[in-house]
Amino acid sequence: MGKTFLLTHFVRERRSLFFGATQQAEAVELARLAEAVRIQLGDRTADLTGGAFGSWESALRALAALASDRALAVVLDEVPYLARSTRGFASIVQVLWDHLPPGTKLMLVLTGSAIGTIEEMLGAHGPLRGRPSVAMRVDPLDPQQARVFLPRLARVRYLEAYAACGGYPLHLRSWNARASTRENLLHLAATAGGVLLEDARSMLLEELTDAVGYGRVLAAVGRGKTRYGEIANEAGQRVEAAIETLIRGGFLRKSLPVGAPKGARPSYELSDPYVAFWFSCLFGNETAIEGGQGTAVLVRVAPLWQRHVGWVFEEAARAHAARLVARGTLPRELVVGRWWTATGPQCEVDVLGLRGRHTALVGEARWASRPFDDRDVFDLRRKLERVPSPVASPLLAFWSIRGPSAATRRARAVAFSLADILAA
């Protein structure tokens, strides 16, 4: 997500020390820290610390001493690596922080990509609970925010790029705006060493001890299996504990129909467009790709790719509806989300708006350039027979690539285009 870039920019004009941890032994990391002090703060400052550190406790105390009368920002990047190489590292930080001399001008920034490890440090029983002035999770960018990385790309091609890259700056910066979507997918996802092929595996290994077992669960969800039983059958394993771990790690999310009663059975969805792309289209195909058959893989997974882009568009449409409610363009009392039937004949509404317990808006989002016609309007109206307690005249809403059509105008529906969705 670019945490290192952001923090480097933040401390650039300040008296600061930036230390990026690696996966090496404690003694090696302490030697690297001493060298960083010498390079970034100067020889005289390094000499004041003794030039070397025998432990993390002595290192942190020395850095605090450097901030006794002058402000010093210390950034320890990828702290989970230090937690692995130094037993009780978070407790060492806790003791230091709790016993800083009054007036110490130290800003200590701890960052890490392993979300589970950081949350454990900050959790109910974690050593650093209640200590941070700011605890911030840097999540992937949404489609609107990510647009700044590919501002000149045509909207349809941009949403395809976002569907593959997710909201990750590294991925988006790798996307070639001059090449087609297929060429980019071949280069970045269907070629050995491509960033979109490799990064998901790195993310899994960073966060999970059994990347293979968890990968089977994620792949099952990526192939459209959303219930406990379906996921277990597809993955060929017990999934209860795995699902909870994946939710905590931010890979999965629990989903319920908007307005669902307490105790309703949830479904499970991949929570990130890039992770969803990887597990729906690439997982299980890595060997073929690394063997030079990436083109054939892309042909075989083309239907899965189109389904995935459609899902990303639906997510963007729901987010757009929520923004319209917040702005007052749609009624402010609406609670919007996805809705589906739990029993009986299947019925699903892409965007449903509740006013209290009553349905006041039903909407459809479709990733297609074909305009909505009278049949589409009729089909959406029929869903009113199944949704929760519709009001007398619910608002019909449509989201598509092109937006309003003759049929939506005749129906006095509201209709939005991809341009509307991506607008600031």
Protein backbone atom coordinates (compact mmCIF):
# COMPACT_ATOMS: atom_id res chain seq x y z
CA MET A 1 0.00 0.00 0.00
CA GLY A 2 2.99 2.35 -0.01
CA LYS A 3 3.38 2.80 3.75
CA THR A 4 7.14 3.14 3.37
CA PHE A 5 6.74 5.83 0.70
CA LEU A 6 4.22 7.78 2.79
CA LEU A 7 6.31 7.65 5.95
CA THR A 8 9.52 8.53 4.12
CA HIS A 9 7.73 11.60 2.76
CA PHE A 10 6.33 12.43 6.22
CA VAL A 11 9.71 12.47 7.99
CA ARG A 12 11.76 13.93 5.14
CA GLU A 13 11.85 17.49 6.53
CA ARG A 14 12.13 16.36 10.17
CA ARG A 15 14.97 15.20 12.37
CA SER A 16 14.33 11.54 11.90
CA LEU A 17 15.58 7.97 11.72
CA PHE A 18 14.00 5.54 9.27
CA PHE A 19 14.82 1.87 9.81
CA GLY A 20 13.46 -0.91 7.60
CA ALA A 21 13.60 -4.29 9.31
CA THR A 22 14.52 -7.45 7.44
CA GLN A 23 14.11 -11.12 8.22
CA GLN A 24 17.52 -11.48 9.84
CA ALA A 25 18.77 -12.37 13.31
CA GLU A 26 18.48 -9.90 16.18
CA ALA A 27 22.21 -9.13 16.27
CA VAL A 28 22.22 -8.37 12.54
CA GLU A 29 19.22 -6.05 12.87
CA LEU A 30 20.82 -4.16 15.78
CA ALA A 31 24.01 -3.70 13.77
CA ARG A 32 21.94 -2.39 10.86
CA LEU A 33 20.16 0.01 13.21
CA ALA A 34 23.48 1.37 14.51
CA GLU A 35 24.64 1.92 10.94
CA ALA A 36 21.35 3.69 10.11
CA VAL A 37 21.88 6.03 13.07
CA ARG A 38 25.38 6.88 11.82
CA ILE A 39 24.25 7.50 8.23
CA GLN A 40 21.03 9.41 8.94
CA LEU A 41 21.87 11.30 12.15
CA GLY A 42 25.62 11.70 11.75
CA ASP A 43 28.81 10.42 13.34
CA ARG A 44 28.61 12.67 16.42
CA THR A 45 25.09 11.43 17.23
CA ALA A 46 26.14 7.83 16.64
CA ASP A 47 29.06 8.30 19.02
CA LEU A 48 26.65 9.55 21.70
CA THR A 49 24.82 6.21 21.50
CA GLY A 50 28.05 4.27 21.88
CA GLY A 51 28.14 3.26 18.21
CA ALA A 52 26.55 -0.14 18.78
CA PHE A 53 23.55 -1.69 20.52
CA GLY A 54 23.57 -4.86 22.61
CA SER A 55 19.78 -5.23 22.78
CA TRP A 56 16.61 -3.60 21.53
CA GLU A 57 15.96 -2.23 25.00
CA SER A 58 19.29 -0.40 25.04
CA ALA A 59 18.76 0.75 21.44
CA LEU A 60 15.35 2.24 22.17
CA ARG A 61 16.57 3.90 25.35
CA ALA A 62 19.46 5.47 23.42
CA LEU A 63 17.04 6.80 20.78
CA ALA A 64 14.79 8.21 23.49
CA ALA A 65 17.82 9.95 25.00
CA LEU A 66 18.49 11.60 21.63
CA ALA A 67 14.99 13.09 21.89
CA SER A 68 15.46 14.49 25.39
CA ASP A 69 15.57 18.09 24.19
CA ARG A 70 15.12 17.96 20.39
CA ALA A 71 12.24 16.33 18.56
CA LEU A 72 13.14 13.03 16.89
CA ALA A 73 10.87 10.86 14.75
CA VAL A 74 11.89 7.17 14.69
CA VAL A 75 10.17 4.93 12.11
CA LEU A 76 10.56 1.17 12.53
CA ASP A 77 9.22 -0.31 9.31
CA GLU A 78 8.09 -3.96 9.10
CA VAL A 79 8.01 -4.44 12.87
CA PRO A 80 6.60 -8.01 12.55
CA TYR A 81 10.08 -9.08 11.39
CA LEU A 82 11.52 -7.71 14.64
CA ALA A 83 8.81 -9.48 16.64
CA ARG A 84 9.96 -12.77 15.09
CA SER A 85 13.66 -12.27 15.68
CA THR A 86 13.37 -10.73 19.16
CA ARG A 87 11.16 -12.49 21.66
CA GLY A 88 8.93 -10.02 23.49
CA PHE A 89 9.76 -7.11 21.20
CA ALA A 90 6.36 -5.43 21.70
CA SER A 91 6.75 -5.71 25.48
CA ILE A 92 10.17 -4.05 25.23
CA VAL A 93 8.54 -1.14 23.39
CA GLN A 94 5.79 -1.02 26.01
CA VAL A 95 8.25 -0.75 28.90
CA LEU A 96 10.23 1.95 27.12
CA TRP A 97 7.11 3.97 26.29
CA ASP A 98 5.60 3.68 29.76
CA HIS A 99 8.80 4.96 31.39
CA LEU A 100 9.86 7.77 29.06
CA PRO A 101 11.22 10.73 31.05
CA PRO A 102 8.83 13.69 31.14
CA GLY A 103 9.39 16.10 28.28
CA THR A 104 10.94 13.52 25.92
CA LYS A 105 10.27 14.63 22.34
CA LEU A 106 10.18 11.21 20.71
CA MET A 107 7.74 10.19 18.00
CA LEU A 108 7.87 6.41 17.53
CA VAL A 109 6.17 4.97 14.44
CA LEU A 110 5.72 1.20 14.14
CA THR A 111 4.48 -0.23 10.84
CA GLY A 112 4.01 -3.65 9.34
CA SER A 113 2.39 -5.51 6.47
CA ALA A 114 1.44 -8.55 8.58
CA ILE A 115 -1.88 -7.19 9.80
CA GLY A 116 -2.51 -10.06 12.22
CA THR A 117 0.77 -9.46 14.06
CA ILE A 118 0.15 -5.72 14.41
CA GLU A 119 -3.42 -6.27 15.61
CA GLU A 120 -2.17 -8.80 18.14
CA MET A 121 0.21 -6.18 19.55
CA LEU A 122 -2.62 -3.67 19.82
CA GLY A 123 -5.40 -6.08 20.84
CA ALA A 124 -7.18 -6.56 24.15
CA HIS A 125 -4.28 -8.58 25.58
CA GLY A 126 -1.52 -6.99 23.49
CA PRO A 127 1.46 -5.21 25.11
CA LEU A 128 0.79 -1.99 23.15
CA ARG A 129 -2.94 -1.76 23.86
CA GLY A 130 -3.89 1.87 24.44
CA ARG A 131 -0.38 3.21 23.81
CA PRO A 132 -0.55 4.64 20.26
CA SER A 133 -1.72 8.21 19.77
CA VAL A 134 -2.85 7.08 16.31
CA ALA A 135 -3.55 3.53 15.13
CA MET A 136 -4.16 3.51 11.40
CA ARG A 137 -4.83 0.70 8.96
CA VAL A 138 -3.85 1.70 5.42
CA ASP A 139 -6.34 -0.09 3.18
CA PRO A 140 -6.27 -0.41 -0.62
CA LEU A 141 -7.60 2.58 -2.54
CA ASP A 142 -11.15 2.56 -3.88
CA PRO A 143 -11.76 2.99 -7.65
CA GLN A 144 -12.17 6.76 -7.35
CA GLN A 145 -8.95 7.25 -5.39
CA ALA A 146 -6.94 4.83 -7.51
CA ARG A 147 -7.87 6.72 -10.68
CA VAL A 148 -4.99 9.17 -10.06
CA PHE A 149 -2.53 6.44 -11.05
CA LEU A 150 -4.12 5.91 -14.48
CA PRO A 151 -5.90 9.22 -15.16
CA ARG A 152 -5.77 9.08 -18.95
CA LEU A 153 -6.95 5.50 -19.36
CA ALA A 154 -10.42 5.19 -20.89
CA ARG A 155 -13.00 4.45 -18.20
CA VAL A 156 -13.85 0.91 -19.30
CA ARG A 157 -10.19 -0.03 -19.58
CA TYR A 158 -9.51 1.65 -16.24
CA LEU A 159 -12.12 -0.41 -14.40
CA GLU A 160 -10.61 -3.53 -15.95
CA ALA A 161 -7.19 -2.41 -14.74
CA TYR A 162 -8.60 -1.79 -11.26
CA ALA A 163 -10.30 -5.20 -11.28
CA ALA A 164 -6.91 -6.85 -11.84
CA CYS A 165 -4.71 -4.55 -9.73
CA GLY A 166 -7.04 -3.66 -6.90
CA GLY A 167 -6.26 -0.46 -5.04
CA TYR A 168 -2.51 -1.14 -4.71
CA PRO A 169 -0.21 1.64 -5.98
CA LEU A 170 2.57 -0.81 -6.90
CA HIS A 171 0.22 -2.75 -9.18
CA LEU A 172 -1.40 0.32 -10.70
CA ARG A 173 1.97 1.91 -11.47
CA SER A 174 2.98 -1.29 -13.27
CA TRP A 175 -0.05 -1.16 -15.58
CA ASN A 176 0.90 0.09 -19.05
CA ALA A 177 -1.73 2.64 -20.12
CA ARG A 178 -0.58 2.35 -23.74
CA ALA A 179 -1.20 -1.41 -23.90
CA SER A 180 -4.50 -3.27 -24.04
CA THR A 181 -6.06 -4.99 -21.05
CA ARG A 182 -5.15 -8.37 -22.52
CA GLU A 183 -1.53 -7.34 -23.05
CA ASN A 184 -1.28 -6.10 -19.48
CA LEU A 185 -2.85 -9.26 -18.07
CA LEU A 186 -0.45 -11.38 -20.10
CA HIS A 187 2.60 -9.40 -18.96
CA LEU A 188 1.67 -8.81 -15.30
CA ALA A 189 -0.44 -11.85 -14.41
CA ALA A 190 0.15 -14.60 -16.96
CA THR A 191 3.96 -14.43 -17.22
CA ALA A 192 6.39 -15.94 -14.71
CA GLY A 193 7.58 -13.25 -12.31
CA GLY A 194 4.71 -10.88 -13.11
CA VAL A 195 3.82 -8.66 -10.17
CA LEU A 196 0.13 -9.65 -10.23
CA LEU A 197 1.07 -13.32 -10.29
CA GLU A 198 3.57 -13.12 -7.43
CA ASP A 199 2.20 -10.54 -5.02
CA ALA A 200 -0.81 -12.49 -3.72
CA ARG A 201 1.43 -15.40 -2.76
CA SER A 202 3.68 -13.01 -0.85
CA MET A 203 0.68 -11.49 0.93
CA LEU A 204 -0.53 -14.95 2.00
CA LEU A 205 2.86 -16.07 3.24
CA GLU A 206 3.26 -12.78 5.15
CA GLU A 207 0.00 -13.25 7.03
CA LEU A 208 -0.74 -16.98 7.23
CA THR A 209 1.25 -19.93 8.49
CA ASP A 210 -0.45 -22.45 6.17
CA ALA A 211 -0.78 -20.56 2.92
CA VAL A 212 -1.79 -23.70 0.99
CA GLY A 213 -4.72 -24.64 3.25
CA TYR A 214 -6.02 -21.11 3.45
CA GLY A 215 -5.51 -20.75 -0.29
CA ARG A 216 -7.95 -23.59 -0.95
CA VAL A 217 -10.62 -21.81 1.07
CA LEU A 218 -10.01 -18.52 -0.73
CA ALA A 219 -10.04 -20.27 -4.11
CA ALA A 220 -13.39 -21.91 -3.29
CA VAL A 221 -14.88 -18.49 -2.51
CA GLY A 222 -13.27 -17.07 -5.64
CA ARG A 223 -15.06 -19.73 -7.69
CA GLY A 224 -18.42 -18.61 -6.31
CA LYS A 225 -18.84 -20.87 -3.26
CA THR A 226 -20.12 -18.60 -0.52
CA ARG A 227 -21.67 -20.82 2.20
CA TYR A 228 -19.87 -22.84 4.86
CA GLY A 229 -20.93 -26.16 3.36
CA GLU A 230 -20.11 -25.16 -0.22
CA ILE A 231 -16.69 -23.84 0.79
CA ALA A 232 -15.88 -26.98 2.80
CA ASN A 233 -16.89 -29.29 -0.05
CA GLU A 234 -14.92 -27.33 -2.62
CA ALA A 235 -11.83 -26.95 -0.41
CA GLY A 236 -11.95 -30.54 0.87
CA GLN A 237 -11.26 -29.54 4.48
CA ARG A 238 -12.82 -28.11 7.64
CA VAL A 239 -13.20 -24.38 7.20
CA GLU A 240 -14.61 -22.81 10.39
CA ALA A 241 -11.28 -21.76 11.95
CA ALA A 242 -9.76 -20.93 8.54
CA ILE A 243 -12.64 -18.57 7.70
CA GLU A 244 -12.30 -16.70 11.00
CA THR A 245 -8.54 -16.31 10.47
CA LEU A 246 -9.06 -15.07 6.90
CA ILE A 247 -11.63 -12.53 8.07
CA ARG A 248 -9.23 -11.19 10.72
CA GLY A 249 -6.50 -10.95 8.09
CA GLY A 250 -8.75 -8.94 5.76
CA PHE A 251 -8.88 -11.58 3.00
CA LEU A 252 -12.54 -12.55 3.52
CA ARG A 253 -15.59 -10.71 4.75
CA LYS A 254 -18.87 -11.92 6.16
CA SER A 255 -21.82 -10.71 4.11
CA LEU A 256 -25.51 -10.49 5.00
CA PRO A 257 -28.46 -9.10 3.05
CA VAL A 258 -29.08 -5.47 3.99
CA GLY A 259 -31.64 -5.42 6.77
CA ALA A 260 -31.17 -9.11 7.55
CA PRO A 261 -32.63 -10.21 10.92
CA LYS A 262 -30.40 -11.25 13.78
CA GLY A 263 -29.21 -14.82 13.37
CA ALA A 264 -29.42 -14.79 9.56
CA ARG A 265 -26.94 -17.11 7.87
CA PRO A 266 -24.07 -15.19 6.29
CA SER A 267 -22.30 -15.77 3.03
CA TYR A 268 -18.60 -15.10 2.53
CA GLU A 269 -16.89 -12.95 -0.08
CA LEU A 270 -13.34 -12.07 -0.98
CA SER A 271 -12.86 -8.56 0.35
CA ASP A 272 -10.27 -7.20 -2.09
CA PRO A 273 -10.52 -6.95 -5.90
CA TYR A 274 -6.91 -8.00 -6.50
CA VAL A 275 -7.11 -10.99 -4.16
CA ALA A 276 -10.45 -11.93 -5.74
CA PHE A 277 -8.89 -11.75 -9.22
CA TRP A 278 -5.96 -13.90 -8.17
CA PHE A 279 -8.06 -16.62 -6.58
CA SER A 280 -10.77 -16.67 -9.23
CA CYS A 281 -8.48 -16.56 -12.28
CA LEU A 282 -4.87 -17.44 -11.36
CA PHE A 283 -4.92 -19.85 -8.43
CA GLY A 284 -4.19 -23.36 -9.66
CA ASN A 285 -2.81 -22.06 -12.95
CA GLU A 286 0.58 -20.94 -11.65
CA THR A 287 2.44 -24.01 -12.95
CA ALA A 288 1.04 -23.58 -16.45
CA ILE A 289 1.88 -19.87 -16.43
CA GLU A 290 5.42 -20.49 -15.21
CA GLY A 291 5.75 -23.09 -17.94
CA GLY A 292 5.07 -20.46 -20.61
CA GLN A 293 1.37 -21.20 -21.19
CA GLY A 294 0.00 -17.89 -19.94
CA THR A 295 -1.85 -17.12 -23.16
CA ALA A 296 -3.76 -20.41 -22.97
CA VAL A 297 -4.59 -19.75 -19.31
CA LEU A 298 -6.08 -16.35 -20.13
CA VAL A 299 -8.26 -17.92 -22.82
CA ARG A 300 -9.46 -20.62 -20.42
CA VAL A 301 -10.28 -18.22 -17.58
CA ALA A 302 -11.90 -15.55 -19.79
CA PRO A 303 -15.45 -16.26 -18.44
CA LEU A 304 -14.14 -16.08 -14.86
CA TRP A 305 -12.42 -12.80 -15.67
CA GLN A 306 -15.62 -11.28 -17.05
CA ARG A 307 -17.57 -12.43 -13.99
CA HIS A 308 -14.92 -10.88 -11.77
CA VAL A 309 -15.03 -7.51 -13.55
CA GLY A 310 -18.83 -7.58 -13.25
CA TRP A 311 -18.51 -8.13 -9.49
CA VAL A 312 -16.08 -5.19 -9.19
CA PHE A 313 -18.56 -3.01 -11.09
CA GLU A 314 -21.40 -4.04 -8.77
CA GLU A 315 -19.26 -3.19 -5.74
CA ALA A 316 -18.49 0.22 -7.25
CA ALA A 317 -22.20 0.81 -7.95
CA ARG A 318 -23.14 0.08 -4.33
CA ALA A 319 -20.42 2.42 -3.10
CA HIS A 320 -21.72 5.07 -5.51
CA ALA A 321 -25.25 4.64 -4.15
CA ALA A 322 -23.95 5.13 -0.60
CA ARG A 323 -22.18 8.35 -1.67
CA LEU A 324 -25.39 9.62 -3.28
CA VAL A 325 -27.23 9.02 -0.01
CA ALA A 326 -24.53 10.85 1.96
CA ARG A 327 -24.77 13.82 -0.45
CA GLY A 328 -28.55 13.92 -0.33
CA THR A 329 -28.94 13.06 -4.03
CA LEU A 330 -30.78 9.95 -2.85
CA PRO A 331 -32.91 10.18 0.32
CA ARG A 332 -30.63 10.55 3.34
CA GLU A 333 -32.59 8.04 5.42
CA LEU A 334 -31.79 5.16 3.04
CA VAL A 335 -29.55 2.30 4.16
CA VAL A 336 -28.18 0.71 0.98
CA GLY A 337 -26.56 -2.63 0.31
CA ARG A 338 -26.94 -5.93 -1.49
CA TRP A 339 -29.97 -8.12 -0.81
CA TRP A 340 -30.90 -11.71 -1.61
CA THR A 341 -33.42 -14.29 -0.51
CA ALA A 342 -32.36 -16.81 2.12
CA THR A 343 -35.18 -19.26 1.37
CA GLY A 344 -37.52 -20.07 -1.49
CA PRO A 345 -36.95 -19.15 -5.14
CA GLN A 346 -33.70 -17.26 -5.63
CA CYS A 347 -33.96 -13.50 -5.91
CA GLU A 348 -31.09 -11.05 -5.73
CA VAL A 349 -31.02 -7.25 -5.86
CA ASP A 350 -27.68 -5.60 -6.59
CA VAL A 351 -28.55 -2.36 -4.77
CA LEU A 352 -31.42 -2.21 -2.30
CA GLY A 353 -32.28 0.82 -0.17
CA LEU A 354 -34.23 0.47 3.07
CA ARG A 355 -36.17 3.23 4.78
CA GLY A 356 -36.57 1.75 8.21
CA ARG A 357 -37.88 -1.76 7.49
CA HIS A 358 -39.36 -0.83 4.12
CA THR A 359 -37.77 -1.10 0.69
CA ALA A 360 -37.66 2.35 -0.92
CA LEU A 361 -35.12 1.65 -3.71
CA VAL A 362 -34.31 -1.34 -5.89
CA GLY A 363 -31.43 -1.17 -8.32
CA GLU A 364 -29.52 -3.25 -10.82
CA ALA A 365 -25.86 -2.89 -11.76
CA ARG A 366 -24.71 -4.49 -15.01
CA TRP A 367 -21.26 -4.47 -16.56
CA ALA A 368 -22.40 -4.09 -20.15
CA SER A 369 -22.54 -1.39 -22.79
CA ARG A 370 -25.97 -2.59 -23.99
CA PRO A 371 -28.57 -0.13 -22.72
CA PHE A 372 -31.25 -1.28 -20.32
CA ASP A 373 -34.49 -2.06 -22.18
CA ASP A 374 -38.13 -2.47 -21.20
CA ARG A 375 -37.58 -6.12 -20.31
CA ASP A 376 -34.88 -5.15 -17.82
CA VAL A 377 -37.22 -2.63 -16.21
CA PHE A 378 -39.97 -5.26 -16.05
CA ASP A 379 -37.64 -7.83 -14.45
CA LEU A 380 -36.54 -5.34 -11.79
CA ARG A 381 -40.15 -4.42 -11.00
CA ARG A 382 -40.96 -8.11 -10.53
CA LYS A 383 -38.36 -8.32 -7.78
CA LEU A 384 -40.54 -5.97 -5.74
CA GLU A 385 -42.73 -8.99 -5.04
CA ARG A 386 -39.91 -10.56 -3.00
CA VAL A 387 -38.08 -7.67 -1.31
CA PRO A 388 -38.84 -6.60 2.30
CA SER A 389 -42.06 -4.54 2.65
CA PRO A 390 -41.79 -2.24 -0.38
CA VAL A 391 -43.22 1.27 -0.09
CA ALA A 392 -46.03 2.32 -2.43
CA SER A 393 -43.74 3.75 -5.12
CA PRO A 394 -40.16 2.50 -4.72
CA LEU A 395 -37.44 4.22 -6.72
CA LEU A 396 -35.94 2.14 -9.54
CA ALA A 397 -32.21 2.63 -10.15
CA PHE A 398 -29.85 1.32 -12.81
CA TRP A 399 -26.07 1.35 -13.14
CA SER A 400 -24.34 0.45 -16.42
CA ILE A 401 -21.43 1.56 -18.57
CA ARG A 402 -23.49 4.05 -20.55
CA GLY A 403 -26.14 5.06 -18.03
CA PRO A 404 -29.68 6.25 -18.87
CA SER A 405 -31.63 4.68 -21.74
CA ALA A 406 -35.01 5.26 -23.35
CA ALA A 407 -36.48 2.48 -21.20
CA THR A 408 -35.18 3.88 -17.91
CA ARG A 409 -36.49 7.33 -18.82
CA ARG A 410 -39.96 5.93 -19.62
CA ALA A 411 -39.95 4.15 -16.27
CA ARG A 412 -38.95 7.41 -14.51
CA ALA A 413 -36.03 5.53 -13.01
CA VAL A 414 -32.68 7.00 -12.08
CA ALA A 415 -29.76 5.68 -14.10
CA PHE A 416 -26.03 6.15 -13.74
CA SER A 417 -23.04 5.53 -15.95
CA LEU A 418 -19.47 4.40 -15.28
CA ALA A 419 -18.50 8.06 -15.59
CA ASP A 420 -20.87 8.88 -12.71
CA ILE A 421 -19.42 6.09 -10.59
CA LEU A 422 -15.82 7.27 -11.10
CA ALA A 423 -16.59 10.98 -10.71
CA ALA A 424 -15.22 12.66 -7.60
